Amino acid sequence: MKLRLNIEELNDDFFTDARLLGITAPVKNYQFCWQLNNLLGYNFRLNPDIEIHLRKKDRNYYFSIYQSQEPNNFLVHYLYHNHFDGEYLLPEFKHMDFLWLMKGDLIDDEKCAWIKQSIKTINGVQLVAELTNEQIKNKGNMVF
């Protein structure tokens, strides 16, 4: 008997109860994180252990991920940089510079709206939009 790994199912599990925001902000990732930490009270830190490594056309691409754990609950925020050296983590969202994934605990609409509104106040941010599961074609690229 052969066991087959259902990648599609794994990807879906990874995104269960998660919310994803796309952010257009042509600023350096460390500057953006600094602003999120200082203006909104997050604690985003680079997590090299979960960096995404993609190989396309015989080249390596590395997408950094910043992580912030909420105190007193299981909610973790992950901020992905959507491009590296001309390649995109999610090519279907080329206009998005950052992808903000919230997972590990329930995020109600009110909290999500507050986060979106808060991000919009940051200098350099042009767009913040919630992305639905149906819109994400390459969600496997985000799984760490």
Protein backbone atom coordinates (compact mmCIF):
# COMPACT_ATOMS: atom_id res chain seq x y z
CA MET A 1 0.00 0.00 0.00
CA LYS A 2 1.32 3.40 -0.97
CA LEU A 3 0.59 6.50 1.08
CA ARG A 4 0.30 9.73 -0.85
CA LEU A 5 0.81 13.11 0.69
CA ASN A 6 -2.08 15.37 -0.22
CA ILE A 7 -0.33 18.71 -0.66
CA GLU A 8 -3.59 20.51 -1.43
CA GLU A 9 -5.04 19.32 1.88
CA LEU A 10 -1.91 20.35 3.79
CA ASN A 11 -2.07 23.82 2.23
CA ASP A 12 -5.73 24.15 3.13
CA ASP A 13 -5.03 23.05 6.73
CA PHE A 14 -2.27 25.66 6.99
CA PHE A 15 -4.77 28.38 6.06
CA THR A 16 -7.70 27.13 8.18
CA ASP A 17 -8.98 30.01 10.36
CA ALA A 18 -6.24 32.27 9.01
CA ARG A 19 -6.67 35.78 7.63
CA LEU A 20 -4.39 37.21 4.98
CA LEU A 21 -3.81 40.85 4.11
CA GLY A 22 -1.99 42.13 1.05
CA ILE A 23 -0.12 45.39 1.55
CA THR A 24 1.29 47.73 -1.06
CA ALA A 25 4.06 49.76 0.56
CA PRO A 26 7.25 50.33 -1.45
CA VAL A 27 9.48 50.53 1.64
CA LYS A 28 12.25 48.29 2.96
CA ASN A 29 10.94 45.35 5.01
CA TYR A 30 12.94 46.25 8.13
CA GLN A 31 11.62 49.85 7.97
CA PHE A 32 8.06 48.59 7.61
CA CYS A 33 8.47 46.23 10.58
CA TRP A 34 10.01 49.00 12.65
CA GLN A 35 6.93 51.15 11.97
CA LEU A 36 4.53 48.30 12.79
CA ASN A 37 6.37 47.67 16.05
CA ASN A 38 6.62 51.32 17.07
CA LEU A 39 3.29 52.68 15.87
CA LEU A 40 1.03 49.67 16.40
CA GLY A 41 2.77 47.92 19.29
CA TYR A 42 3.71 44.69 17.53
CA ASN A 43 6.94 42.82 18.05
CA PHE A 44 7.87 41.72 14.52
CA ARG A 45 11.26 39.99 14.35
CA LEU A 46 12.93 38.27 11.43
CA ASN A 47 12.57 34.48 11.77
CA PRO A 48 15.25 32.87 9.55
CA ASP A 49 14.01 29.36 10.52
CA ILE A 50 10.84 29.76 8.46
CA GLU A 51 12.27 31.71 5.50
CA ILE A 52 10.70 30.53 2.24
CA HIS A 53 13.11 29.13 -0.34
CA LEU A 54 11.83 28.75 -3.90
CA ARG A 55 13.75 27.43 -6.87
CA LYS A 56 12.67 28.71 -10.28
CA LYS A 57 14.51 28.59 -13.60
CA ASP A 58 17.64 27.15 -11.94
CA ARG A 59 17.85 30.05 -9.50
CA ASN A 60 17.25 30.31 -5.77
CA TYR A 61 14.89 32.86 -4.26
CA TYR A 62 14.60 33.64 -0.57
CA PHE A 63 11.53 35.29 0.94
CA SER A 64 12.00 36.58 4.46
CA ILE A 65 9.29 36.23 7.10
CA TYR A 66 8.91 38.40 10.18
CA GLN A 67 6.97 37.00 13.12
CA SER A 68 5.09 38.56 16.04
CA GLN A 69 3.40 36.50 18.76
CA GLU A 70 0.43 38.04 20.59
CA PRO A 71 0.63 37.89 24.38
CA ASN A 72 -2.00 35.82 26.23
CA ASN A 73 -3.32 33.90 23.20
CA PHE A 74 -2.20 31.66 20.33
CA LEU A 75 -2.46 34.26 17.58
CA VAL A 76 0.74 34.71 15.58
CA HIS A 77 1.29 37.34 12.90
CA TYR A 78 3.59 36.56 9.98
CA LEU A 79 4.76 39.24 7.59
CA TYR A 80 6.11 37.89 4.29
CA HIS A 81 8.08 39.94 1.81
CA ASN A 82 6.35 39.17 -1.51
CA HIS A 83 9.32 39.74 -3.81
CA PHE A 84 12.95 38.80 -4.07
CA ASP A 85 15.24 39.63 -6.98
CA GLY A 86 12.44 39.98 -9.56
CA GLU A 87 10.48 36.90 -8.44
CA TYR A 88 7.26 36.83 -6.43
CA LEU A 89 6.13 34.58 -3.62
CA LEU A 90 2.54 35.02 -4.84
CA PRO A 91 2.82 35.99 -8.54
CA GLU A 92 -0.94 36.58 -8.67
CA PHE A 93 -0.37 39.59 -6.36
CA LYS A 94 2.63 41.27 -7.99
CA HIS A 95 1.42 44.70 -6.82
CA MET A 96 1.56 43.61 -3.15
CA ASP A 97 4.86 44.23 -1.37
CA PHE A 98 3.93 42.42 1.84
CA LEU A 99 1.60 39.61 2.88
CA TRP A 100 0.37 39.64 6.47
CA LEU A 101 -0.84 36.24 7.65
CA MET A 102 -2.67 35.90 10.97
CA LYS A 103 -3.14 32.38 12.29
CA GLY A 104 -3.26 30.25 15.43
CA ASP A 105 -6.36 31.81 16.98
CA LEU A 106 -9.63 33.32 15.86
CA ILE A 107 -9.42 36.82 14.37
CA ASP A 108 -12.81 38.48 14.32
CA ASP A 109 -13.84 41.00 11.66
CA GLU A 110 -13.53 43.88 14.11
CA LYS A 111 -9.92 43.12 14.97
CA CYS A 112 -9.07 42.53 11.30
CA ALA A 113 -10.66 45.88 10.38
CA TRP A 114 -8.67 47.60 13.16
CA ILE A 115 -5.42 46.08 11.86
CA LYS A 116 -6.20 47.14 8.27
CA GLN A 117 -7.08 50.66 9.40
CA SER A 118 -3.93 50.91 11.53
CA ILE A 119 -1.65 49.77 8.69
CA LYS A 120 -3.16 52.44 6.42
CA THR A 121 -1.91 55.16 8.80
CA ILE A 122 1.71 54.13 8.24
CA ASN A 123 3.81 56.33 5.99
CA GLY A 124 4.36 54.78 2.56
CA VAL A 125 1.38 52.41 2.69
CA GLN A 126 -0.70 52.75 -0.46
CA LEU A 127 -3.11 49.83 -0.17
CA VAL A 128 -4.27 47.24 2.37
CA ALA A 129 -6.70 44.54 1.21
CA GLU A 130 -7.89 41.26 2.66
CA LEU A 131 -7.18 38.35 0.33
CA THR A 132 -9.54 35.39 0.20
CA ASN A 133 -8.54 31.74 -0.14
CA GLU A 134 -10.09 31.62 -3.61
CA GLN A 135 -7.86 34.47 -4.84
CA ILE A 136 -4.64 32.76 -3.76
CA LYS A 137 -3.45 30.42 -6.52
CA ASN A 138 0.03 29.68 -5.13
CA LYS A 139 -0.80 29.33 -1.45
CA GLY A 140 1.64 26.40 -1.18
CA ASN A 141 4.45 28.95 -1.58
CA MET A 142 3.52 30.45 1.78
CA VAL A 143 3.53 27.23 3.80
CA PHE A 144 6.59 26.91 6.03
